[in-house]
Every structure is written in structure tokens, then in C-alpha cells.
Amino acid sequence: MLELYHSINSVCAQKVRIALAEKGLEYREHLMTLRGDQFEPQYMQLNPNAVVPTLVHDRRPVIESSVILYYLEEAFPEPPLMPHDLHERALVRQYNKLVDEYVHNSCTILTFATAFRPWFAGLSGEEIEQRLAKSPSKQRTEYKRDVALHGLDSKFVRDAVANHAKLLTLMDTTLASGGPWLAGKRFSLADAAVIPYILRLDLLRLANMWERLPRVGDWYQRMRARPSVKKELLDRMRPEDRAPFEKLEVDPWPKVKEMAWAS
């Protein structure tokens, strides 16, 4: 039996839901708000990092989204979401490593600097820190505190934009050499891992970041049309899930453009 603790807007949870859909796996879902329920003792026994997703398979938890992707591939190998070619398999892992080490925190920074910043409106730095204090990750707390106070003027934003640009450049390069998917001619865990972050850029009105990379734009449209993505990302978003992105008071693109296209 599979259980999934997740939230609709979590980019990490989104990639796992896509993999589950691609493999035709049903699961019992535990939908979380992430407004404090991730710190409840019962949940932290499953996931000491107090984040989503957490996959529970036969009553044993598996945490970390990229680890869950590889776990699902090994536990349920059909249909395969890892290429047979060794170089393409390495490319899948390269994408996941880039996401884990650079892109994910950068996504958090851009999201909290824009769409989620109103959650902290009117609070002092100390009050913001108190609200975030339960998080086991002090680094992520520092990111969120700084961007909540300074928005796109935060000292962390420039590197966040650069890390997304690095991902987009890798995508353009691999799509040019292998395509139409990120690790060759078949959909793979690389595509599942990356699409939530590209969708998030779009929701943040930053789709112009790949305006000069038409291959990335074409891939994005293929992904949006894919049944697993439509079912688990696009159709799952309720009005309350879309609201933070639809209420952006300031268009972030003019300021981000200066950073993204600085060279």
C-alpha cells in the first residue's frame, strides 16, 4: 500500500505525483496545509525534516523527493522512467542533482520574494524569524526571512535567478542534442523532476526567462499537454492554490530580466 503526504503547490510533491501517475500507481493521500501541520510530532516521526512529500510504502516512510523518484523506479519498474542508455541515465541523475543542490532553494527564494511575501506583510525581522523558527533548516529560514523583508532586492535573489538560468541552459543543450525529452527520446524522471520548477517560473510571470530558448518553450508545451502533468499539476490546483500567484502586485519580470540577461 502506498500513502503520500503532500501539498498541492509543493514542487517536490508535484514531481512525485507525476511519477506515480506515469506508473499508474494509486495511493492514499494525506493533504497538508504546510501552515504548521508539518511540525506536528506524528508527522515529524515520519519526516524529521518537516517537509513534504513523504511516501509511505507498506508502512515504511521514504523521504526526499529525488530519493522517492528512484525508489519508485526500483519498486515499480514498469513502465520504466529511467533510460536504458548509461549516458542518458547519468543525465537523469545530473538533472536531479542540479535541482537538489541549486534550483530548489532558488525556487523557494523567488517564490517567497514574490507570491508568498504577503504572508509576512507588516512583520518585523524578529517576528518573521519566530514564525519560521520551527523549521529544522536554518539556511532555508535565513532565505525566507531575508526575501520576506526585501523581496527581489534580497541579497539571495541574483544567485537564485542565475541557478534557474543554469537549469534552462542545460535543458536547451540536452534538448538540442537528444530530444524531445530531457534525457533522450523517452519521457524520464528528469522531465518529472524539472517540470514543477518551470511551471513555477511561469506562475511567477517569469516565463520570459526562456524566451531566447525556443526548445525549452516547446518542451514546456509538450509537458503541459502530457496527461500526468495535466492531472497532477494543472488540474489539481484549486482557486486557493492559484491565488498567491494571481495576486502578484508587482510584475517581477523587469527586475529579474536585468539579472537573467545581464550577460
C-alpha atoms as a PDB file:
ATOM      1  CA  MET A   1       0.000   0.000   0.000  1.00  0.00           C
ATOM      2  CA  LEU A   2       1.215   3.482  -0.897  1.00  0.00           C
ATOM      3  CA  GLU A   3       0.472   6.643   1.065  1.00  0.00           C
ATOM      4  CA  LEU A   4       1.591  10.143   0.146  1.00  0.00           C
ATOM      5  CA  TYR A   5       1.820  13.119   2.453  1.00  0.00           C
ATOM      6  CA  HIS A   6       1.916  16.174   0.241  1.00  0.00           C
ATOM      7  CA  SER A   7       0.542  19.603  -0.605  1.00  0.00           C
ATOM      8  CA  ILE A   8      -0.773  20.813  -3.943  1.00  0.00           C
ATOM      9  CA  ASN A   9       1.740  23.614  -4.513  1.00  0.00           C
ATOM     10  CA  SER A  10       4.839  21.825  -3.236  1.00  0.00           C
ATOM     11  CA  VAL A  11       7.212  21.495  -6.192  1.00  0.00           C
ATOM     12  CA  CYS A  12       8.827  18.468  -4.547  1.00  0.00           C
ATOM     13  CA  ALA A  13       5.479  16.773  -4.117  1.00  0.00           C
ATOM     14  CA  GLN A  14       4.471  17.606  -7.674  1.00  0.00           C
ATOM     15  CA  LYS A  15       7.360  15.657  -9.192  1.00  0.00           C
ATOM     16  CA  VAL A  16       6.479  12.586  -7.114  1.00  0.00           C
ATOM     17  CA  ARG A  17       2.800  12.783  -8.078  1.00  0.00           C
ATOM     18  CA  ILE A  18       3.816  12.882 -11.742  1.00  0.00           C
ATOM     19  CA  ALA A  19       5.930   9.737 -11.336  1.00  0.00           C
ATOM     20  CA  LEU A  20       3.078   7.971  -9.543  1.00  0.00           C
ATOM     21  CA  ALA A  21       0.697   8.928 -12.352  1.00  0.00           C
ATOM     22  CA  GLU A  22       3.125   7.841 -15.068  1.00  0.00           C
ATOM     23  CA  LYS A  23       3.388   4.432 -13.419  1.00  0.00           C
ATOM     24  CA  GLY A  24      -0.360   4.172 -12.882  1.00  0.00           C
ATOM     25  CA  LEU A  25       0.058   3.785  -9.132  1.00  0.00           C
ATOM     26  CA  GLU A  26      -2.805   4.587  -6.787  1.00  0.00           C
ATOM     27  CA  TYR A  27      -2.115   5.934  -3.331  1.00  0.00           C
ATOM     28  CA  ARG A  28      -3.899   7.121  -0.235  1.00  0.00           C
ATOM     29  CA  GLU A  29      -3.256  10.837   0.077  1.00  0.00           C
ATOM     30  CA  HIS A  30      -2.763  12.955   3.164  1.00  0.00           C
ATOM     31  CA  LEU A  31      -3.141  16.549   2.044  1.00  0.00           C
ATOM     32  CA  MET A  32      -1.239  19.008   4.206  1.00  0.00           C
ATOM     33  CA  THR A  33      -1.549  22.765   4.539  1.00  0.00           C
ATOM     34  CA  LEU A  34       2.112  23.431   5.480  1.00  0.00           C
ATOM     35  CA  ARG A  35       0.866  26.144   7.825  1.00  0.00           C
ATOM     36  CA  GLY A  36       2.193  24.290  10.854  1.00  0.00           C
ATOM     37  CA  ASP A  37       0.927  20.750  10.376  1.00  0.00           C
ATOM     38  CA  GLN A  38       4.358  19.703   9.063  1.00  0.00           C
ATOM     39  CA  PHE A  39       5.732  20.297  12.577  1.00  0.00           C
ATOM     40  CA  GLU A  40       3.251  18.046  14.364  1.00  0.00           C
ATOM     41  CA  PRO A  41       5.090  15.276  16.246  1.00  0.00           C
ATOM     42  CA  GLN A  42       3.249  12.499  14.433  1.00  0.00           C
ATOM     43  CA  TYR A  43       4.372  13.814  11.050  1.00  0.00           C
ATOM     44  CA  MET A  44       7.921  14.574  12.152  1.00  0.00           C
ATOM     45  CA  GLN A  45       8.283  10.954  13.203  1.00  0.00           C
ATOM     46  CA  LEU A  46       7.795  10.125   9.521  1.00  0.00           C
ATOM     47  CA  ASN A  47       9.835  13.049   8.202  1.00  0.00           C
ATOM     48  CA  PRO A  48      12.215  14.739  10.673  1.00  0.00           C
ATOM     49  CA  ASN A  49      12.908  17.461   8.083  1.00  0.00           C
ATOM     50  CA  ALA A  50       9.296  18.689   8.413  1.00  0.00           C
ATOM     51  CA  VAL A  51       8.806  18.973   4.648  1.00  0.00           C
ATOM     52  CA  VAL A  52       6.750  17.219   2.010  1.00  0.00           C
ATOM     53  CA  PRO A  53       6.481  14.840   0.344  1.00  0.00           C
ATOM     54  CA  THR A  54       6.735  11.712   2.409  1.00  0.00           C
ATOM     55  CA  LEU A  55       5.959   8.425   0.721  1.00  0.00           C
ATOM     56  CA  VAL A  56       4.896   5.530   2.929  1.00  0.00           C
ATOM     57  CA  HIS A  57       5.171   2.102   1.304  1.00  0.00           C
ATOM     58  CA  ASP A  58       3.964  -0.856   3.348  1.00  0.00           C
ATOM     59  CA  ARG A  59       4.113   1.326   6.478  1.00  0.00           C
ATOM     60  CA  ARG A  60       7.750   2.346   5.942  1.00  0.00           C
ATOM     61  CA  PRO A  61       8.496   6.023   5.102  1.00  0.00           C
ATOM     62  CA  VAL A  62      10.688   7.229   2.259  1.00  0.00           C
ATOM     63  CA  ILE A  63      11.694  10.906   2.287  1.00  0.00           C
ATOM     64  CA  GLU A  64      13.448  13.371  -0.074  1.00  0.00           C
ATOM     65  CA  SER A  65      11.707  13.764  -3.409  1.00  0.00           C
ATOM     66  CA  SER A  66      14.589  12.700  -5.659  1.00  0.00           C
ATOM     67  CA  VAL A  67      15.147   9.634  -3.474  1.00  0.00           C
ATOM     68  CA  ILE A  68      11.433   8.852  -3.740  1.00  0.00           C
ATOM     69  CA  LEU A  69      11.646   9.056  -7.542  1.00  0.00           C
ATOM     70  CA  TYR A  70      14.451   6.492  -7.647  1.00  0.00           C
ATOM     71  CA  TYR A  71      12.665   4.353  -5.058  1.00  0.00           C
ATOM     72  CA  LEU A  72       9.501   4.230  -7.157  1.00  0.00           C
ATOM     73  CA  GLU A  73      11.543   3.263 -10.203  1.00  0.00           C
ATOM     74  CA  GLU A  74      13.114   0.349  -8.354  1.00  0.00           C
ATOM     75  CA  ALA A  75       9.971  -0.774  -6.514  1.00  0.00           C
ATOM     76  CA  PHE A  76       7.703  -0.446  -9.567  1.00  0.00           C
ATOM     77  CA  PRO A  77       9.954  -0.767 -12.651  1.00  0.00           C
ATOM     78  CA  GLU A  78       7.147  -0.817 -15.217  1.00  0.00           C
ATOM     79  CA  PRO A  79       6.736   1.321 -17.155  1.00  0.00           C
ATOM     80  CA  PRO A  80      10.370   2.425 -16.878  1.00  0.00           C
ATOM     81  CA  LEU A  81      11.127   6.082 -16.229  1.00  0.00           C
ATOM     82  CA  MET A  82      14.899   5.633 -16.418  1.00  0.00           C
ATOM     83  CA  PRO A  83      16.567   5.299 -19.842  1.00  0.00           C
ATOM     84  CA  HIS A  84      18.449   2.135 -20.798  1.00  0.00           C
ATOM     85  CA  ASP A  85      21.450   4.057 -22.158  1.00  0.00           C
ATOM     86  CA  LEU A  86      24.002   4.657 -19.397  1.00  0.00           C
ATOM     87  CA  HIS A  87      24.809   8.205 -20.515  1.00  0.00           C
ATOM     88  CA  GLU A  88      21.129   9.108 -20.522  1.00  0.00           C
ATOM     89  CA  ARG A  89      20.715   7.556 -17.066  1.00  0.00           C
ATOM     90  CA  ALA A  90      23.592   9.700 -15.866  1.00  0.00           C
ATOM     91  CA  LEU A  91      21.860  12.744 -17.356  1.00  0.00           C
ATOM     92  CA  VAL A  92      18.723  11.994 -15.338  1.00  0.00           C
ATOM     93  CA  ARG A  93      20.826  11.971 -12.192  1.00  0.00           C
ATOM     94  CA  GLN A  94      22.578  15.167 -13.278  1.00  0.00           C
ATOM     95  CA  TYR A  95      19.238  16.956 -13.547  1.00  0.00           C
ATOM     96  CA  ASN A  96      18.154  15.725 -10.131  1.00  0.00           C
ATOM     97  CA  LYS A  97      21.477  16.780  -8.601  1.00  0.00           C
ATOM     98  CA  LEU A  98      21.190  20.263 -10.111  1.00  0.00           C
ATOM     99  CA  VAL A  99      17.657  20.594  -8.782  1.00  0.00           C
ATOM    100  CA  ASP A 100      18.563  19.342  -5.312  1.00  0.00           C
ATOM    101  CA  GLU A 101      21.733  21.405  -4.886  1.00  0.00           C
ATOM    102  CA  TYR A 102      20.794  24.669  -6.556  1.00  0.00           C
ATOM    103  CA  VAL A 103      17.366  25.038  -8.128  1.00  0.00           C
ATOM    104  CA  HIS A 104      15.097  24.019  -5.279  1.00  0.00           C
ATOM    105  CA  ASN A 105      16.322  26.607  -2.774  1.00  0.00           C
ATOM    106  CA  SER A 106      16.397  29.149  -5.588  1.00  0.00           C
ATOM    107  CA  CYS A 107      12.754  28.385  -6.321  1.00  0.00           C
ATOM    108  CA  THR A 108      11.934  28.949  -2.653  1.00  0.00           C
ATOM    109  CA  ILE A 109      13.741  32.300  -2.757  1.00  0.00           C
ATOM    110  CA  LEU A 110      11.919  33.573  -5.852  1.00  0.00           C
ATOM    111  CA  THR A 111       8.543  32.329  -4.599  1.00  0.00           C
ATOM    112  CA  PHE A 112       8.856  33.911  -1.153  1.00  0.00           C
ATOM    113  CA  ALA A 113      10.225  37.120  -2.666  1.00  0.00           C
ATOM    114  CA  THR A 114       7.067  37.496  -4.750  1.00  0.00           C
ATOM    115  CA  ALA A 115       3.931  35.350  -4.425  1.00  0.00           C
ATOM    116  CA  PHE A 116       4.334  34.284  -0.783  1.00  0.00           C
ATOM    117  CA  ARG A 117       5.761  37.545   0.522  1.00  0.00           C
ATOM    118  CA  PRO A 118       2.333  38.904   1.602  1.00  0.00           C
ATOM    119  CA  TRP A 119       2.203  36.134   4.242  1.00  0.00           C
ATOM    120  CA  PHE A 120       4.758  38.166   6.187  1.00  0.00           C
ATOM    121  CA  ALA A 121       3.440  41.654   5.444  1.00  0.00           C
ATOM    122  CA  GLY A 122       3.892  44.062   8.334  1.00  0.00           C
ATOM    123  CA  LEU A 123       6.059  41.727  10.400  1.00  0.00           C
ATOM    124  CA  SER A 124       9.491  42.685  11.682  1.00  0.00           C
ATOM    125  CA  GLY A 125      12.541  40.563  11.010  1.00  0.00           C
ATOM    126  CA  GLU A 126      12.318  39.139  14.525  1.00  0.00           C
ATOM    127  CA  GLU A 127       8.629  38.286  14.111  1.00  0.00           C
ATOM    128  CA  ILE A 128       9.316  36.587  10.777  1.00  0.00           C
ATOM    129  CA  GLU A 129      12.096  34.576  12.370  1.00  0.00           C
ATOM    130  CA  GLN A 130       9.766  33.496  15.178  1.00  0.00           C
ATOM    131  CA  ARG A 131       7.206  32.334  12.635  1.00  0.00           C
ATOM    132  CA  LEU A 132       9.843  30.284  10.826  1.00  0.00           C
ATOM    133  CA  ALA A 133      11.663  29.093  13.939  1.00  0.00           C
ATOM    134  CA  LYS A 134      10.283  25.551  13.925  1.00  0.00           C
ATOM    135  CA  SER A 135      11.952  24.693  10.625  1.00  0.00           C
ATOM    136  CA  PRO A 136      14.903  22.305  11.096  1.00  0.00           C
ATOM    137  CA  SER A 137      16.700  24.022   8.194  1.00  0.00           C
ATOM    138  CA  LYS A 138      18.272  27.235   9.461  1.00  0.00           C
ATOM    139  CA  GLN A 139      19.553  28.046   5.974  1.00  0.00           C
ATOM    140  CA  ARG A 140      16.054  27.995   4.471  1.00  0.00           C
ATOM    141  CA  THR A 141      14.842  30.105   7.386  1.00  0.00           C
ATOM    142  CA  GLU A 142      17.516  32.686   6.576  1.00  0.00           C
ATOM    143  CA  TYR A 143      16.483  32.719   2.902  1.00  0.00           C
ATOM    144  CA  LYS A 144      12.810  33.190   3.715  1.00  0.00           C
ATOM    145  CA  ARG A 145      13.443  35.864   6.332  1.00  0.00           C
ATOM    146  CA  ASP A 146      15.604  37.952   4.004  1.00  0.00           C
ATOM    147  CA  VAL A 147      13.323  37.765   0.966  1.00  0.00           C
ATOM    148  CA  ALA A 148      10.243  38.398   3.115  1.00  0.00           C
ATOM    149  CA  LEU A 149      11.865  41.643   4.260  1.00  0.00           C
ATOM    150  CA  HIS A 150      13.489  42.738   0.995  1.00  0.00           C
ATOM    151  CA  GLY A 151      11.614  40.994  -1.816  1.00  0.00           C
ATOM    152  CA  LEU A 152      13.502  40.940  -5.107  1.00  0.00           C
ATOM    153  CA  ASP A 153      16.107  43.259  -3.593  1.00  0.00           C
ATOM    154  CA  SER A 154      17.227  40.445  -1.298  1.00  0.00           C
ATOM    155  CA  LYS A 155      20.906  39.530  -1.487  1.00  0.00           C
ATOM    156  CA  PHE A 156      19.874  35.970  -2.353  1.00  0.00           C
ATOM    157  CA  VAL A 157      17.795  36.730  -5.451  1.00  0.00           C
ATOM    158  CA  ARG A 158      20.571  37.251  -8.003  1.00  0.00           C
ATOM    159  CA  ASP A 159      22.045  33.794  -7.389  1.00  0.00           C
ATOM    160  CA  ALA A 160      18.545  32.306  -7.422  1.00  0.00           C
ATOM    161  CA  VAL A 161      17.931  33.743 -10.882  1.00  0.00           C
ATOM    162  CA  ALA A 162      21.359  32.531 -12.048  1.00  0.00           C
ATOM    163  CA  ASN A 163      20.621  28.991 -10.856  1.00  0.00           C
ATOM    164  CA  HIS A 164      17.373  28.900 -12.808  1.00  0.00           C
ATOM    165  CA  ALA A 165      19.224  30.222 -15.856  1.00  0.00           C
ATOM    166  CA  LYS A 166      21.751  27.415 -15.430  1.00  0.00           C
ATOM    167  CA  LEU A 167      18.936  24.864 -15.459  1.00  0.00           C
ATOM    168  CA  LEU A 168      17.352  26.410 -18.549  1.00  0.00           C
ATOM    169  CA  THR A 169      20.699  26.390 -20.374  1.00  0.00           C
ATOM    170  CA  LEU A 170      21.233  22.709 -19.578  1.00  0.00           C
ATOM    171  CA  MET A 171      17.722  21.957 -20.814  1.00  0.00           C
ATOM    172  CA  ASP A 172      18.341  23.780 -24.084  1.00  0.00           C
ATOM    173  CA  THR A 173      21.634  21.935 -24.594  1.00  0.00           C
ATOM    174  CA  THR A 174      20.257  18.462 -23.959  1.00  0.00           C
ATOM    175  CA  LEU A 175      17.099  19.076 -25.972  1.00  0.00           C
ATOM    176  CA  ALA A 176      19.269  20.167 -28.897  1.00  0.00           C
ATOM    177  CA  SER A 177      21.388  17.024 -28.793  1.00  0.00           C
ATOM    178  CA  GLY A 178      18.902  14.312 -27.884  1.00  0.00           C
ATOM    179  CA  GLY A 179      15.303  15.492 -27.504  1.00  0.00           C
ATOM    180  CA  PRO A 180      12.376  15.641 -27.441  1.00  0.00           C
ATOM    181  CA  TRP A 181      12.711  14.892 -23.713  1.00  0.00           C
ATOM    182  CA  LEU A 182      15.385  15.985 -21.285  1.00  0.00           C
ATOM    183  CA  ALA A 183      17.254  12.677 -21.238  1.00  0.00           C
ATOM    184  CA  GLY A 184      16.639  11.383 -24.735  1.00  0.00           C
ATOM    185  CA  LYS A 185      13.748  10.182 -26.826  1.00  0.00           C
ATOM    186  CA  ARG A 186      11.571   8.982 -23.953  1.00  0.00           C
ATOM    187  CA  PHE A 187       9.966  10.738 -21.016  1.00  0.00           C
ATOM    188  CA  SER A 188      12.021  10.103 -17.870  1.00  0.00           C
ATOM    189  CA  LEU A 189      12.458  11.049 -14.235  1.00  0.00           C
ATOM    190  CA  ALA A 190      14.408  14.080 -15.474  1.00  0.00           C
ATOM    191  CA  ASP A 191      11.255  15.530 -17.018  1.00  0.00           C
ATOM    192  CA  ALA A 192       9.226  14.732 -13.907  1.00  0.00           C
ATOM    193  CA  ALA A 193      11.836  16.372 -11.686  1.00  0.00           C
ATOM    194  CA  VAL A 194      12.163  19.577 -13.696  1.00  0.00           C
ATOM    195  CA  ILE A 195       8.617  20.463 -14.780  1.00  0.00           C
ATOM    196  CA  PRO A 196       7.432  21.758 -11.366  1.00  0.00           C
ATOM    197  CA  TYR A 197      10.178  24.388 -11.378  1.00  0.00           C
ATOM    198  CA  ILE A 198       9.428  25.561 -14.909  1.00  0.00           C
ATOM    199  CA  LEU A 199       5.725  25.729 -14.118  1.00  0.00           C
ATOM    200  CA  ARG A 200       6.582  27.760 -11.010  1.00  0.00           C
ATOM    201  CA  LEU A 201       8.533  30.278 -13.101  1.00  0.00           C
ATOM    202  CA  ASP A 202       5.506  30.578 -15.372  1.00  0.00           C
ATOM    203  CA  LEU A 203       3.180  31.115 -12.386  1.00  0.00           C
ATOM    204  CA  LEU A 204       5.534  33.815 -11.126  1.00  0.00           C
ATOM    205  CA  ARG A 205       5.270  35.593 -14.524  1.00  0.00           C
ATOM    206  CA  LEU A 206       8.865  34.716 -15.353  1.00  0.00           C
ATOM    207  CA  ALA A 207       8.296  32.626 -18.485  1.00  0.00           C
ATOM    208  CA  ASN A 208      10.311  35.201 -20.419  1.00  0.00           C
ATOM    209  CA  MET A 209      13.387  33.629 -18.886  1.00  0.00           C
ATOM    210  CA  TRP A 210      13.266  31.068 -21.707  1.00  0.00           C
ATOM    211  CA  GLU A 211      12.108  33.462 -24.424  1.00  0.00           C
ATOM    212  CA  ARG A 212      15.511  33.100 -26.123  1.00  0.00           C
ATOM    213  CA  LEU A 213      15.412  29.287 -25.758  1.00  0.00           C
ATOM    214  CA  PRO A 214      12.581  28.097 -28.018  1.00  0.00           C
ATOM    215  CA  ARG A 215      13.428  24.418 -27.471  1.00  0.00           C
ATOM    216  CA  VAL A 216      12.642  24.885 -23.776  1.00  0.00           C
ATOM    217  CA  GLY A 217       9.363  26.556 -24.676  1.00  0.00           C
ATOM    218  CA  ASP A 218       8.421  23.667 -26.953  1.00  0.00           C
ATOM    219  CA  TRP A 219       9.287  21.148 -24.216  1.00  0.00           C
ATOM    220  CA  TYR A 220       7.152  23.091 -21.746  1.00  0.00           C
ATOM    221  CA  GLN A 221       4.142  22.912 -24.048  1.00  0.00           C
ATOM    222  CA  ARG A 222       4.660  19.161 -24.544  1.00  0.00           C
ATOM    223  CA  MET A 223       4.804  18.750 -20.791  1.00  0.00           C
ATOM    224  CA  ARG A 224       1.645  20.767 -20.176  1.00  0.00           C
ATOM    225  CA  ALA A 225      -0.189  18.515 -22.637  1.00  0.00           C
ATOM    226  CA  ARG A 226       1.055  15.306 -21.015  1.00  0.00           C
ATOM    227  CA  PRO A 227      -1.774  13.555 -19.102  1.00  0.00           C
ATOM    228  CA  SER A 228       0.247  13.069 -15.895  1.00  0.00           C
ATOM    229  CA  VAL A 229       1.190  16.749 -15.759  1.00  0.00           C
ATOM    230  CA  LYS A 230      -2.313  17.916 -16.582  1.00  0.00           C
ATOM    231  CA  LYS A 231      -3.806  15.613 -13.947  1.00  0.00           C
ATOM    232  CA  GLU A 232      -1.329  16.136 -11.113  1.00  0.00           C
ATOM    233  CA  LEU A 233      -0.208  19.732 -11.613  1.00  0.00           C
ATOM    234  CA  LEU A 234      -2.587  21.799 -13.695  1.00  0.00           C
ATOM    235  CA  ASP A 235      -5.925  20.249 -12.746  1.00  0.00           C
ATOM    236  CA  ARG A 236      -5.057  19.743  -9.077  1.00  0.00           C
ATOM    237  CA  MET A 237      -4.662  23.461  -8.411  1.00  0.00           C
ATOM    238  CA  ARG A 238      -7.725  24.828  -6.654  1.00  0.00           C
ATOM    239  CA  PRO A 239      -8.599  28.533  -6.590  1.00  0.00           C
ATOM    240  CA  GLU A 240      -6.876  28.886  -3.211  1.00  0.00           C
ATOM    241  CA  ASP A 241      -3.740  27.261  -4.655  1.00  0.00           C
ATOM    242  CA  ARG A 242      -3.661  29.666  -7.591  1.00  0.00           C
ATOM    243  CA  ALA A 243      -4.497  32.745  -5.547  1.00  0.00           C
ATOM    244  CA  PRO A 244      -0.960  33.696  -4.392  1.00  0.00           C
ATOM    245  CA  PHE A 245       0.263  33.691  -7.989  1.00  0.00           C
ATOM    246  CA  GLU A 246      -2.730  35.567  -9.366  1.00  0.00           C
ATOM    247  CA  LYS A 247      -2.393  38.350  -6.800  1.00  0.00           C
ATOM    248  CA  LEU A 248       1.149  39.423  -7.608  1.00  0.00           C
ATOM    249  CA  GLU A 249       1.018  43.170  -7.035  1.00  0.00           C
ATOM    250  CA  VAL A 250       4.233  43.930  -8.894  1.00  0.00           C
ATOM    251  CA  ASP A 251       5.353  42.272 -12.107  1.00  0.00           C
ATOM    252  CA  PRO A 252       8.695  40.692 -11.146  1.00  0.00           C
ATOM    253  CA  TRP A 253       9.984  40.321 -14.702  1.00  0.00           C
ATOM    254  CA  PRO A 254      11.513  43.811 -15.243  1.00  0.00           C
ATOM    255  CA  LYS A 255      13.769  43.407 -12.211  1.00  0.00           C
ATOM    256  CA  VAL A 256      14.524  39.725 -12.863  1.00  0.00           C
ATOM    257  CA  LYS A 257      15.260  40.455 -16.525  1.00  0.00           C
ATOM    258  CA  GLU A 258      18.173  42.647 -15.519  1.00  0.00           C
ATOM    259  CA  MET A 259      19.668  39.716 -13.642  1.00  0.00           C
ATOM    260  CA  ALA A 260      18.747  36.937 -16.077  1.00  0.00           C
ATOM    261  CA  TRP A 261      20.006  38.762 -19.153  1.00  0.00           C
ATOM    262  CA  ALA A 262      22.849  40.673 -17.549  1.00  0.00           C
ATOM    263  CA  SER A 263      25.400  38.998 -19.791  1.00  0.00           C
END
